[in-house]
Each structure stands twice: as C-alpha cells, then as structure tokens.
C-alpha cells in the first residue's frame, strides 16, 4: 500500500479536491496523480483520511513548526517517504 501524508495546516476538503482534480487531468508531475496515472486508477479510487488534528497552541508558540514536526513524525511512522511511499521531500530542520 502506498501512503501519502498531507500537510495538516490545509483544509482537508481542499486538498482532497486538488488531488482529485490533478488525477482527473492526468498530471504526472505530482506524486499522487502520477501514481494514479501509472497504475491506471481513477480519482474514484482515491481514499482520504485525516490522521491527526493539531489544535491551536494555547500559550502561543509556532504552530506552523508544530504542524511540520507532526507531519515529519507521521511520514516516519507510516514510512511514506519515497521510494516506499509518495512523499518526496523531508525537512530535517523541523527536528533541530
């Protein structure tokens, strides 16, 4: 099973819609749609699930950094970095 982790700071409905549109257009420059085109799948085969909701930080702080760290955690947990999954980039700065 290929796993692709989405950034949690975006609205899930918008991201799902963008992926479906990209698949329908046959866009092979993006990992998800390229996978679907290569495997002869349609947007109807796309399954989408929110893995975690990161609430606003109560005492301030950098929420974007927290989101990025959680994203990297999920990428590691699910082993979704290319070539095992569809995530192509990995920002080690988040762990410093």
N, C-alpha and C. Protein backbone atom coordinates (compact mmCIF):
# COMPACT_ATOMS: atom_id res chain seq x y z
N UNK A 1 0.84 -1.18 0.00
CA UNK A 1 0.00 0.00 0.00
C UNK A 1 0.88 1.24 0.00
N UNK A 2 0.64 2.15 -0.92
CA UNK A 2 1.37 3.40 -0.94
C UNK A 2 0.69 4.37 0.01
N UNK A 3 1.51 5.09 0.76
CA UNK A 3 0.98 6.02 1.75
C UNK A 3 1.48 7.41 1.41
N UNK A 4 0.60 8.36 1.44
CA UNK A 4 0.95 9.75 1.20
C UNK A 4 0.39 10.58 2.34
N UNK A 5 1.22 11.35 3.00
CA UNK A 5 0.82 12.15 4.15
C UNK A 5 0.63 13.59 3.70
N UNK A 6 -0.48 14.19 4.05
CA UNK A 6 -0.78 15.56 3.67
C UNK A 6 -0.46 16.53 4.80
N UNK A 7 -0.06 17.72 4.46
CA UNK A 7 0.19 18.75 5.47
C UNK A 7 -1.09 19.04 6.23
N UNK A 8 -1.01 19.06 7.55
CA UNK A 8 -2.21 19.21 8.36
C UNK A 8 -2.69 20.65 8.46
N UNK A 9 -1.91 21.62 7.97
CA UNK A 9 -2.32 23.01 8.09
C UNK A 9 -3.34 23.41 7.03
N UNK A 10 -3.53 22.61 6.01
CA UNK A 10 -4.50 22.92 4.96
C UNK A 10 -5.84 22.25 5.26
N UNK A 11 -6.87 22.79 4.68
CA UNK A 11 -8.21 22.23 4.85
C UNK A 11 -8.30 20.92 4.07
N UNK A 12 -8.72 19.87 4.76
CA UNK A 12 -8.74 18.52 4.17
C UNK A 12 -9.58 18.45 2.89
N UNK A 13 -10.71 19.11 2.89
CA UNK A 13 -11.60 19.07 1.72
C UNK A 13 -10.92 19.68 0.49
N UNK A 14 -10.17 20.77 0.69
CA UNK A 14 -9.50 21.44 -0.42
C UNK A 14 -8.39 20.54 -0.98
N UNK A 15 -7.62 19.93 -0.10
CA UNK A 15 -6.53 19.06 -0.55
C UNK A 15 -7.08 17.86 -1.31
N UNK A 16 -8.13 17.26 -0.78
CA UNK A 16 -8.74 16.12 -1.45
C UNK A 16 -9.22 16.52 -2.84
N UNK A 17 -9.84 17.68 -2.94
CA UNK A 17 -10.33 18.18 -4.22
C UNK A 17 -9.17 18.44 -5.19
N UNK A 18 -8.07 18.98 -4.68
CA UNK A 18 -6.90 19.24 -5.53
C UNK A 18 -6.32 17.93 -6.06
N UNK A 19 -6.23 16.93 -5.21
CA UNK A 19 -5.71 15.63 -5.66
C UNK A 19 -6.62 15.01 -6.71
N UNK A 20 -7.94 15.06 -6.48
CA UNK A 20 -8.88 14.51 -7.45
C UNK A 20 -8.76 15.22 -8.81
N UNK A 21 -8.67 16.54 -8.76
CA UNK A 21 -8.54 17.31 -9.99
C UNK A 21 -7.25 16.96 -10.73
N UNK A 22 -6.17 16.86 -9.99
CA UNK A 22 -4.87 16.51 -10.57
C UNK A 22 -4.90 15.13 -11.21
N UNK A 23 -5.56 14.19 -10.56
CA UNK A 23 -5.70 12.83 -11.10
C UNK A 23 -6.55 12.86 -12.37
N UNK A 24 -7.67 13.58 -12.32
CA UNK A 24 -8.56 13.65 -13.49
C UNK A 24 -7.88 14.30 -14.69
N UNK A 25 -6.97 15.26 -14.43
CA UNK A 25 -6.25 15.93 -15.51
C UNK A 25 -5.07 15.09 -16.02
N UNK A 26 -4.74 14.02 -15.31
CA UNK A 26 -3.62 13.18 -15.72
C UNK A 26 -2.26 13.82 -15.48
N UNK A 27 -2.18 14.69 -14.50
CA UNK A 27 -0.94 15.40 -14.17
C UNK A 27 0.10 14.42 -13.62
N UNK A 28 1.18 14.24 -14.35
CA UNK A 28 2.22 13.29 -13.91
C UNK A 28 3.40 13.99 -13.24
N UNK A 29 3.28 15.28 -12.95
CA UNK A 29 4.36 15.99 -12.26
C UNK A 29 4.22 15.92 -10.75
N UNK A 30 3.05 15.53 -10.27
CA UNK A 30 2.81 15.42 -8.82
C UNK A 30 2.77 13.95 -8.43
N UNK A 31 3.33 13.60 -7.26
CA UNK A 31 3.45 12.19 -6.87
C UNK A 31 2.14 11.41 -6.83
N UNK A 32 1.10 11.99 -6.25
CA UNK A 32 -0.17 11.25 -6.11
C UNK A 32 -0.79 10.99 -7.47
N UNK A 33 -0.95 12.05 -8.27
CA UNK A 33 -1.59 11.86 -9.57
C UNK A 33 -0.71 11.00 -10.49
N UNK A 34 0.61 11.14 -10.42
CA UNK A 34 1.50 10.29 -11.22
C UNK A 34 1.28 8.82 -10.87
N UNK A 35 1.19 8.53 -9.58
CA UNK A 35 0.94 7.15 -9.14
C UNK A 35 -0.38 6.63 -9.72
N UNK A 36 -1.42 7.44 -9.63
CA UNK A 36 -2.73 7.02 -10.13
C UNK A 36 -2.70 6.80 -11.64
N UNK A 37 -2.03 7.69 -12.37
CA UNK A 37 -1.93 7.52 -13.82
C UNK A 37 -1.12 6.27 -14.15
N UNK A 38 0.03 6.10 -13.49
CA UNK A 38 0.89 4.93 -13.75
C UNK A 38 0.19 3.61 -13.45
N UNK A 39 -0.68 3.60 -12.46
CA UNK A 39 -1.37 2.38 -12.05
C UNK A 39 -2.75 2.22 -12.68
N UNK A 40 -3.08 3.13 -13.61
CA UNK A 40 -4.38 3.12 -14.31
C UNK A 40 -5.57 3.20 -13.35
N UNK A 41 -5.41 4.00 -12.30
CA UNK A 41 -6.51 4.23 -11.36
C UNK A 41 -7.22 5.54 -11.73
N UNK A 42 -8.42 5.71 -11.23
CA UNK A 42 -9.15 6.96 -11.42
C UNK A 42 -9.29 7.65 -10.07
N UNK A 43 -9.78 8.88 -10.10
CA UNK A 43 -9.99 9.63 -8.86
C UNK A 43 -10.99 8.93 -7.95
N UNK A 44 -11.85 8.09 -8.51
CA UNK A 44 -12.81 7.34 -7.69
C UNK A 44 -12.11 6.35 -6.77
N UNK A 45 -10.88 5.97 -7.09
CA UNK A 45 -10.13 5.04 -6.26
C UNK A 45 -9.43 5.74 -5.08
N UNK A 46 -9.40 7.07 -5.08
CA UNK A 46 -8.71 7.82 -4.03
C UNK A 46 -9.47 7.72 -2.71
N UNK A 47 -8.77 7.32 -1.68
CA UNK A 47 -9.35 7.30 -0.33
C UNK A 47 -8.58 8.32 0.48
N UNK A 48 -9.29 9.06 1.30
CA UNK A 48 -8.71 10.19 2.01
C UNK A 48 -9.11 10.12 3.47
N UNK A 49 -8.15 10.33 4.37
CA UNK A 49 -8.45 10.27 5.80
C UNK A 49 -7.55 11.25 6.55
N UNK A 50 -8.12 11.99 7.47
CA UNK A 50 -7.35 12.88 8.34
C UNK A 50 -6.76 12.02 9.46
N UNK A 51 -5.45 12.08 9.63
CA UNK A 51 -4.78 11.26 10.64
C UNK A 51 -4.70 11.95 11.99
N UNK A 52 -4.61 13.27 11.98
CA UNK A 52 -4.46 13.98 13.24
C UNK A 52 -4.90 15.43 13.05
N UNK A 53 -5.52 15.98 14.06
CA UNK A 53 -5.86 17.40 14.09
C UNK A 53 -4.99 18.04 15.15
N UNK A 54 -4.24 19.05 14.76
CA UNK A 54 -3.38 19.77 15.70
C UNK A 54 -4.09 21.07 16.06
N UNK A 55 -4.56 21.19 17.31
CA UNK A 55 -5.30 22.39 17.70
C UNK A 55 -4.37 23.60 17.82
N UNK A 56 -4.95 24.80 17.79
CA UNK A 56 -4.13 26.00 18.01
C UNK A 56 -3.42 25.90 19.36
N UNK A 57 -2.23 26.47 19.42
CA UNK A 57 -1.45 26.40 20.65
C UNK A 57 -2.01 27.39 21.67
N UNK A 58 -2.29 26.92 22.87
CA UNK A 58 -2.93 27.75 23.90
C UNK A 58 -2.02 28.85 24.44
N UNK A 59 -0.76 28.56 24.56
CA UNK A 59 0.16 29.53 25.16
C UNK A 59 1.05 30.20 24.13
N UNK A 60 0.57 30.28 22.94
CA UNK A 60 1.39 30.87 21.89
C UNK A 60 2.37 29.85 21.35
N UNK A 61 3.36 30.31 20.67
CA UNK A 61 4.32 29.40 20.08
C UNK A 61 4.13 29.31 18.58
N UNK A 62 4.98 28.60 17.94
CA UNK A 62 4.99 28.49 16.49
C UNK A 62 4.17 27.27 16.06
N UNK A 63 2.91 27.50 15.71
CA UNK A 63 2.04 26.40 15.32
C UNK A 63 2.50 25.75 14.02
N UNK A 64 3.00 26.57 13.09
CA UNK A 64 3.48 26.02 11.82
C UNK A 64 4.63 25.05 12.04
N UNK A 65 5.52 25.37 12.97
CA UNK A 65 6.62 24.46 13.29
C UNK A 65 6.08 23.17 13.90
N UNK A 66 5.10 23.31 14.79
CA UNK A 66 4.48 22.12 15.41
C UNK A 66 3.83 21.24 14.33
N UNK A 67 3.11 21.87 13.39
CA UNK A 67 2.47 21.13 12.30
C UNK A 67 3.52 20.40 11.46
N UNK A 68 4.61 21.08 11.15
CA UNK A 68 5.67 20.47 10.34
C UNK A 68 6.31 19.30 11.08
N UNK A 69 6.53 19.45 12.37
CA UNK A 69 7.10 18.36 13.16
C UNK A 69 6.17 17.15 13.19
N UNK A 70 4.87 17.39 13.34
CA UNK A 70 3.91 16.28 13.35
C UNK A 70 3.85 15.61 11.98
N UNK A 71 3.93 16.42 10.94
CA UNK A 71 3.93 15.86 9.59
C UNK A 71 5.13 14.93 9.41
N UNK A 72 6.31 15.39 9.83
CA UNK A 72 7.51 14.55 9.73
C UNK A 72 7.37 13.29 10.58
N UNK A 73 6.74 13.42 11.76
CA UNK A 73 6.52 12.25 12.62
C UNK A 73 5.67 11.21 11.89
N UNK A 74 4.57 11.67 11.27
CA UNK A 74 3.69 10.75 10.55
C UNK A 74 4.38 10.14 9.34
N UNK A 75 5.19 10.94 8.63
CA UNK A 75 5.93 10.40 7.49
C UNK A 75 6.84 9.27 7.95
N UNK A 76 7.52 9.48 9.09
CA UNK A 76 8.38 8.42 9.65
C UNK A 76 7.56 7.21 10.08
N UNK A 77 6.50 7.46 10.83
CA UNK A 77 5.66 6.39 11.37
C UNK A 77 5.09 5.50 10.26
N UNK A 78 4.61 6.15 9.21
CA UNK A 78 3.96 5.42 8.11
C UNK A 78 4.94 4.98 7.02
N UNK A 79 6.21 5.37 7.19
CA UNK A 79 7.23 5.04 6.19
C UNK A 79 6.76 5.46 4.79
N UNK A 80 6.28 6.71 4.71
CA UNK A 80 5.69 7.18 3.45
C UNK A 80 6.64 8.03 2.62
N UNK A 81 7.92 8.04 2.97
CA UNK A 81 8.91 8.76 2.17
C UNK A 81 9.28 7.92 0.96
N UNK A 82 9.45 8.56 -0.18
CA UNK A 82 9.85 7.87 -1.40
C UNK A 82 11.16 7.13 -1.16
N UNK A 83 11.35 5.91 -1.58
CA UNK A 83 10.58 5.15 -2.56
C UNK A 83 9.49 4.26 -1.95
N UNK A 84 9.38 4.20 -0.61
CA UNK A 84 8.35 3.34 -0.01
C UNK A 84 6.96 3.95 -0.12
N UNK A 85 6.88 5.27 -0.14
CA UNK A 85 5.60 5.97 -0.21
C UNK A 85 5.68 7.08 -1.24
N UNK A 86 4.74 8.02 -1.16
CA UNK A 86 4.65 9.07 -2.17
C UNK A 86 5.18 10.42 -1.71
N UNK A 87 5.61 10.55 -0.46
CA UNK A 87 6.22 11.81 -0.01
C UNK A 87 7.63 11.90 -0.58
N UNK A 88 7.92 13.02 -1.25
CA UNK A 88 9.23 13.16 -1.91
C UNK A 88 10.20 14.04 -1.14
N UNK A 89 9.71 14.85 -0.23
CA UNK A 89 10.62 15.74 0.49
C UNK A 89 10.57 15.47 1.98
N UNK A 90 11.64 15.89 2.64
CA UNK A 90 11.77 15.60 4.06
C UNK A 90 12.60 16.72 4.65
N UNK A 91 12.03 17.50 5.54
CA UNK A 91 12.69 18.68 6.10
C UNK A 91 13.26 18.36 7.47
N UNK A 92 14.56 18.11 7.53
CA UNK A 92 15.20 17.78 8.80
C UNK A 92 15.29 18.98 9.73
N UNK A 93 15.12 20.20 9.20
CA UNK A 93 15.15 21.40 10.04
C UNK A 93 14.12 21.31 11.16
N UNK A 94 13.02 20.66 10.91
CA UNK A 94 11.94 20.55 11.90
C UNK A 94 12.38 19.82 13.16
N UNK A 95 13.43 19.02 13.08
CA UNK A 95 13.88 18.26 14.24
C UNK A 95 14.98 18.96 15.02
N UNK A 96 15.46 20.11 14.54
CA UNK A 96 16.52 20.84 15.24
C UNK A 96 15.97 21.63 16.40
